[in-house]
Amino acid sequence: MSASKPIRWQSSDKALKAVQVAFDVEAAVLEAIRCAAFENDVSSSEQIRRILGLATARRPIRPRLTVSLTPDDYVLLGRRYGLPPAERLAIKGHVTQELIEFADQAHEKGATE
């Protein structure tokens, strides 16, 4: 008996077949693409697809930042926020708040220059 996928997962079949490709380029190319992506309010990946004339997402993509955290990182962040490392969701909340405060300070600094 074969297990069928729930309907809500079936739409991800195309994405599962996609292959992520990394390009080794000089820093100037990387910077130009990142700047263009920033100016166009899209991800670097979306900007590359635009440059290559490939189809792009028609729906807005949820803006988010990502970082890879190791178990040791959670230990350090837990100490920083007075939380046990296992409280990853609470740590994430504190990190989010710290990033928001960073952005606010950067915005204020830019407004005064």
N, C-alpha and C. Protein backbone atom coordinates (compact mmCIF):
# COMPACT_ATOMS: atom_id res chain seq x y z
N MET A 1 0.83 -1.16 0.00
CA MET A 1 0.00 0.00 0.00
C MET A 1 0.89 1.24 0.00
N SER A 2 0.71 2.15 -0.96
CA SER A 2 1.55 3.34 -1.03
C SER A 2 0.88 4.49 -0.31
N ALA A 3 1.67 5.21 0.41
CA ALA A 3 1.15 6.36 1.15
C ALA A 3 1.07 7.55 0.20
N SER A 4 -0.07 8.20 0.17
CA SER A 4 -0.19 9.38 -0.68
C SER A 4 0.08 10.62 0.15
N LYS A 5 0.57 11.65 -0.54
CA LYS A 5 0.89 12.92 0.13
C LYS A 5 -0.38 13.70 0.38
N PRO A 6 -0.41 14.43 1.49
CA PRO A 6 -1.54 15.34 1.69
C PRO A 6 -1.60 16.35 0.55
N ILE A 7 -2.76 16.81 0.22
CA ILE A 7 -2.94 17.74 -0.90
C ILE A 7 -2.08 18.99 -0.72
N ARG A 8 -2.00 19.50 0.51
CA ARG A 8 -1.24 20.74 0.71
C ARG A 8 0.25 20.57 0.42
N TRP A 9 0.77 19.35 0.42
CA TRP A 9 2.17 19.11 0.14
C TRP A 9 2.43 18.90 -1.35
N GLN A 10 1.40 18.58 -2.11
CA GLN A 10 1.59 18.25 -3.52
C GLN A 10 2.10 19.44 -4.33
N SER A 11 1.78 20.66 -3.90
CA SER A 11 2.24 21.83 -4.64
C SER A 11 3.75 22.02 -4.52
N SER A 12 4.39 21.35 -3.58
CA SER A 12 5.84 21.51 -3.41
C SER A 12 6.64 20.54 -4.27
N ASP A 13 5.98 19.70 -5.05
CA ASP A 13 6.69 18.73 -5.88
C ASP A 13 7.69 19.39 -6.82
N LYS A 14 7.31 20.51 -7.45
CA LYS A 14 8.20 21.20 -8.37
C LYS A 14 9.44 21.71 -7.64
N ALA A 15 9.23 22.29 -6.47
CA ALA A 15 10.35 22.83 -5.71
C ALA A 15 11.31 21.73 -5.29
N LEU A 16 10.79 20.56 -4.99
CA LEU A 16 11.64 19.46 -4.58
C LEU A 16 12.54 18.98 -5.70
N LYS A 17 12.11 19.19 -6.94
CA LYS A 17 12.90 18.76 -8.09
C LYS A 17 13.93 19.81 -8.50
N ALA A 18 13.80 21.05 -7.99
CA ALA A 18 14.75 22.10 -8.32
C ALA A 18 16.10 21.80 -7.67
N VAL A 19 17.15 22.26 -8.31
CA VAL A 19 18.50 22.04 -7.81
C VAL A 19 19.13 23.40 -7.54
N GLN A 20 19.62 23.60 -6.35
CA GLN A 20 20.29 24.86 -6.02
C GLN A 20 21.67 24.85 -6.65
N VAL A 21 22.01 25.94 -7.31
CA VAL A 21 23.29 26.05 -7.99
C VAL A 21 24.05 27.22 -7.38
N ALA A 22 25.31 27.00 -7.03
CA ALA A 22 26.16 28.06 -6.49
C ALA A 22 27.14 28.51 -7.57
N PHE A 23 27.38 29.80 -7.62
CA PHE A 23 28.30 30.36 -8.60
C PHE A 23 29.48 30.98 -7.88
N ASP A 24 30.69 30.59 -8.26
CA ASP A 24 31.89 31.20 -7.70
C ASP A 24 32.26 32.37 -8.60
N VAL A 25 32.04 33.57 -8.09
CA VAL A 25 32.31 34.78 -8.87
C VAL A 25 33.14 35.73 -8.01
N GLU A 26 33.70 36.72 -8.65
CA GLU A 26 34.49 37.68 -7.89
C GLU A 26 33.56 38.59 -7.09
N ALA A 27 34.13 39.25 -6.11
CA ALA A 27 33.36 40.07 -5.17
C ALA A 27 32.55 41.16 -5.87
N ALA A 28 33.08 41.73 -6.95
CA ALA A 28 32.37 42.80 -7.65
C ALA A 28 31.05 42.31 -8.24
N VAL A 29 31.05 41.09 -8.76
CA VAL A 29 29.82 40.51 -9.32
C VAL A 29 28.81 40.26 -8.21
N LEU A 30 29.28 39.68 -7.13
CA LEU A 30 28.44 39.42 -5.98
C LEU A 30 27.82 40.71 -5.46
N GLU A 31 28.63 41.75 -5.31
CA GLU A 31 28.15 43.03 -4.80
C GLU A 31 27.13 43.66 -5.75
N ALA A 32 27.38 43.60 -7.05
CA ALA A 32 26.46 44.19 -8.02
C ALA A 32 25.09 43.50 -7.96
N ILE A 33 25.09 42.19 -7.85
CA ILE A 33 23.83 41.45 -7.81
C ILE A 33 23.10 41.72 -6.49
N ARG A 34 23.84 41.73 -5.40
CA ARG A 34 23.21 42.02 -4.10
C ARG A 34 22.64 43.43 -4.07
N CYS A 35 23.36 44.40 -4.61
CA CYS A 35 22.86 45.78 -4.64
C CYS A 35 21.61 45.89 -5.51
N ALA A 36 21.63 45.26 -6.67
CA ALA A 36 20.45 45.28 -7.55
C ALA A 36 19.27 44.62 -6.87
N ALA A 37 19.51 43.51 -6.19
CA ALA A 37 18.44 42.82 -5.48
C ALA A 37 17.86 43.72 -4.39
N PHE A 38 18.74 44.39 -3.65
CA PHE A 38 18.29 45.30 -2.60
C PHE A 38 17.45 46.43 -3.20
N GLU A 39 17.95 47.03 -4.27
CA GLU A 39 17.23 48.14 -4.91
C GLU A 39 15.88 47.71 -5.46
N ASN A 40 15.80 46.46 -5.92
CA ASN A 40 14.55 45.94 -6.48
C ASN A 40 13.67 45.25 -5.44
N ASP A 41 14.15 45.23 -4.18
CA ASP A 41 13.42 44.62 -3.07
C ASP A 41 13.10 43.15 -3.34
N VAL A 42 14.11 42.43 -3.84
CA VAL A 42 13.97 40.99 -4.09
C VAL A 42 15.19 40.28 -3.50
N SER A 43 15.13 38.97 -3.43
CA SER A 43 16.27 38.19 -2.97
C SER A 43 17.33 38.14 -4.06
N SER A 44 18.55 37.79 -3.67
CA SER A 44 19.62 37.64 -4.67
C SER A 44 19.25 36.58 -5.70
N SER A 45 18.63 35.50 -5.22
CA SER A 45 18.20 34.43 -6.12
C SER A 45 17.18 34.94 -7.15
N GLU A 46 16.23 35.73 -6.66
CA GLU A 46 15.21 36.30 -7.56
C GLU A 46 15.87 37.25 -8.57
N GLN A 47 16.84 38.02 -8.12
CA GLN A 47 17.55 38.94 -9.01
C GLN A 47 18.29 38.17 -10.10
N ILE A 48 18.94 37.09 -9.75
CA ILE A 48 19.64 36.26 -10.74
C ILE A 48 18.65 35.72 -11.76
N ARG A 49 17.48 35.25 -11.29
CA ARG A 49 16.46 34.75 -12.22
C ARG A 49 16.03 35.85 -13.19
N ARG A 50 15.89 37.08 -12.68
CA ARG A 50 15.51 38.21 -13.55
C ARG A 50 16.60 38.48 -14.58
N ILE A 51 17.86 38.48 -14.16
CA ILE A 51 18.98 38.73 -15.07
C ILE A 51 19.00 37.69 -16.18
N LEU A 52 18.71 36.43 -15.82
CA LEU A 52 18.75 35.33 -16.79
C LEU A 52 17.46 35.20 -17.60
N GLY A 53 16.47 36.02 -17.30
CA GLY A 53 15.20 35.96 -18.03
C GLY A 53 14.37 34.75 -17.67
N LEU A 54 14.56 34.22 -16.46
CA LEU A 54 13.78 33.06 -16.01
C LEU A 54 12.53 33.52 -15.29
N ALA A 55 11.57 32.64 -15.21
CA ALA A 55 10.32 32.95 -14.52
C ALA A 55 10.62 33.29 -13.06
N THR A 56 9.88 34.25 -12.54
CA THR A 56 10.04 34.64 -11.14
C THR A 56 8.71 34.47 -10.42
N ALA A 57 8.77 34.48 -9.11
CA ALA A 57 7.57 34.28 -8.31
C ALA A 57 6.58 35.41 -8.57
N ARG A 58 5.34 35.04 -8.77
CA ARG A 58 4.31 36.03 -9.00
C ARG A 58 3.71 36.52 -7.69
N ARG A 59 3.84 35.69 -6.67
CA ARG A 59 3.30 36.08 -5.38
C ARG A 59 4.42 36.71 -4.55
N PRO A 60 4.06 37.63 -3.68
CA PRO A 60 5.11 38.23 -2.85
C PRO A 60 5.74 37.19 -1.93
N ILE A 61 7.01 37.28 -1.77
CA ILE A 61 7.76 36.38 -0.90
C ILE A 61 7.82 37.03 0.49
N ARG A 62 7.62 36.22 1.51
CA ARG A 62 7.69 36.75 2.87
C ARG A 62 9.13 37.19 3.14
N PRO A 63 9.30 38.47 3.50
CA PRO A 63 10.66 38.92 3.77
C PRO A 63 11.16 38.32 5.08
N ARG A 64 12.35 37.77 5.04
CA ARG A 64 12.93 37.20 6.25
C ARG A 64 14.44 37.13 6.11
N LEU A 65 15.07 37.09 7.25
CA LEU A 65 16.51 36.93 7.31
C LEU A 65 16.79 35.54 7.86
N THR A 66 17.87 34.96 7.43
CA THR A 66 18.23 33.64 7.94
C THR A 66 19.67 33.63 8.41
N VAL A 67 19.94 32.80 9.38
CA VAL A 67 21.29 32.57 9.87
C VAL A 67 21.33 31.15 10.40
N SER A 68 22.43 30.46 10.22
CA SER A 68 22.57 29.12 10.76
C SER A 68 23.17 29.22 12.16
N LEU A 69 22.52 28.59 13.12
CA LEU A 69 23.00 28.61 14.50
C LEU A 69 23.36 27.20 14.94
N THR A 70 24.53 27.07 15.53
CA THR A 70 24.99 25.78 16.04
C THR A 70 24.50 25.61 17.48
N PRO A 71 24.57 24.41 18.00
CA PRO A 71 24.23 24.22 19.42
C PRO A 71 25.05 25.14 20.33
N ASP A 72 26.33 25.35 20.01
CA ASP A 72 27.16 26.27 20.79
C ASP A 72 26.64 27.71 20.72
N ASP A 73 26.13 28.09 19.55
CA ASP A 73 25.55 29.43 19.41
C ASP A 73 24.36 29.59 20.36
N TYR A 74 23.54 28.54 20.45
CA TYR A 74 22.38 28.60 21.35
C TYR A 74 22.82 28.70 22.81
N VAL A 75 23.93 28.06 23.15
CA VAL A 75 24.46 28.17 24.51
C VAL A 75 24.84 29.63 24.78
N LEU A 76 25.60 30.24 23.86
CA LEU A 76 26.03 31.63 24.03
C LEU A 76 24.84 32.59 24.05
N LEU A 77 23.90 32.39 23.14
CA LEU A 77 22.73 33.28 23.10
C LEU A 77 21.86 33.08 24.34
N GLY A 78 21.75 31.85 24.79
CA GLY A 78 20.99 31.58 26.01
C GLY A 78 21.59 32.34 27.18
N ARG A 79 22.91 32.31 27.30
CA ARG A 79 23.58 33.07 28.37
C ARG A 79 23.30 34.56 28.22
N ARG A 80 23.38 35.03 26.99
CA ARG A 80 23.18 36.46 26.71
C ARG A 80 21.80 36.93 27.16
N TYR A 81 20.79 36.07 26.93
CA TYR A 81 19.41 36.45 27.23
C TYR A 81 18.90 35.84 28.53
N GLY A 82 19.76 35.13 29.26
CA GLY A 82 19.35 34.53 30.52
C GLY A 82 18.35 33.39 30.35
N LEU A 83 18.56 32.61 29.29
CA LEU A 83 17.66 31.50 28.98
C LEU A 83 18.44 30.21 28.81
N PRO A 84 17.78 29.06 29.06
CA PRO A 84 18.45 27.79 28.75
C PRO A 84 18.55 27.62 27.23
N PRO A 85 19.63 27.00 26.75
CA PRO A 85 19.81 26.82 25.30
C PRO A 85 18.65 26.08 24.63
N ALA A 86 17.95 25.25 25.38
CA ALA A 86 16.83 24.49 24.80
C ALA A 86 15.63 25.38 24.49
N GLU A 87 15.60 26.57 25.03
CA GLU A 87 14.48 27.50 24.79
C GLU A 87 14.70 28.25 23.48
N ARG A 88 14.80 27.51 22.40
CA ARG A 88 15.16 28.09 21.10
C ARG A 88 14.15 29.11 20.60
N LEU A 89 12.87 28.88 20.81
CA LEU A 89 11.85 29.83 20.35
C LEU A 89 11.98 31.15 21.10
N ALA A 90 12.20 31.07 22.41
CA ALA A 90 12.38 32.30 23.20
C ALA A 90 13.66 33.02 22.78
N ILE A 91 14.72 32.26 22.53
CA ILE A 91 15.96 32.87 22.06
C ILE A 91 15.72 33.56 20.72
N LYS A 92 14.99 32.90 19.84
CA LYS A 92 14.67 33.50 18.53
C LYS A 92 13.93 34.81 18.71
N GLY A 93 13.01 34.86 19.67
CA GLY A 93 12.28 36.10 19.94
C GLY A 93 13.21 37.22 20.37
N HIS A 94 14.16 36.91 21.24
CA HIS A 94 15.12 37.92 21.69
C HIS A 94 16.02 38.37 20.54
N VAL A 95 16.46 37.42 19.72
CA VAL A 95 17.29 37.77 18.57
C VAL A 95 16.52 38.69 17.62
N THR A 96 15.26 38.35 17.36
CA THR A 96 14.42 39.17 16.49
C THR A 96 14.34 40.59 17.02
N GLN A 97 14.10 40.72 18.32
CA GLN A 97 14.01 42.05 18.93
C GLN A 97 15.33 42.80 18.81
N GLU A 98 16.44 42.10 19.00
CA GLU A 98 17.75 42.75 18.88
C GLU A 98 18.00 43.23 17.46
N LEU A 99 17.57 42.45 16.46
CA LEU A 99 17.73 42.87 15.07
C LEU A 99 16.86 44.09 14.75
N ILE A 100 15.66 44.12 15.32
CA ILE A 100 14.76 45.27 15.13
C ILE A 100 15.39 46.52 15.74
N GLU A 101 15.95 46.38 16.94
CA GLU A 101 16.61 47.51 17.59
C GLU A 101 17.81 47.98 16.78
N PHE A 102 18.56 47.04 16.21
CA PHE A 102 19.68 47.39 15.35
C PHE A 102 19.20 48.22 14.16
N ALA A 103 18.13 47.78 13.53
CA ALA A 103 17.58 48.49 12.36
C ALA A 103 17.09 49.88 12.74
N ASP A 104 16.43 49.98 13.89
CA ASP A 104 15.96 51.28 14.36
C ASP A 104 17.13 52.24 14.57
N GLN A 105 18.19 51.75 15.21
CA GLN A 105 19.37 52.58 15.46
C GLN A 105 20.04 52.98 14.14
N ALA A 106 20.13 52.05 13.22
CA ALA A 106 20.73 52.35 11.91
C ALA A 106 19.91 53.39 11.17
N HIS A 107 18.59 53.27 11.27
CA HIS A 107 17.69 54.22 10.61
C HIS A 107 17.85 55.62 11.22
N GLU A 108 17.91 55.66 12.57
CA GLU A 108 18.09 56.95 13.26
C GLU A 108 19.42 57.57 12.91
N LYS A 109 20.47 56.77 12.86
CA LYS A 109 21.80 57.25 12.52
C LYS A 109 21.81 57.82 11.10
N GLY A 110 21.17 57.12 10.19
CA GLY A 110 21.10 57.58 8.81
C GLY A 110 20.31 58.85 8.66
N ALA A 111 19.29 59.03 9.49
CA ALA A 111 18.46 60.22 9.42
C ALA A 111 19.19 61.45 9.94
N THR A 112 20.18 61.25 10.82
CA THR A 112 20.89 62.39 11.39
C THR A 112 22.12 62.79 10.59
N GLU A 113 22.50 61.97 9.62
CA GLU A 113 23.70 62.29 8.83
C GLU A 113 23.37 63.18 7.67
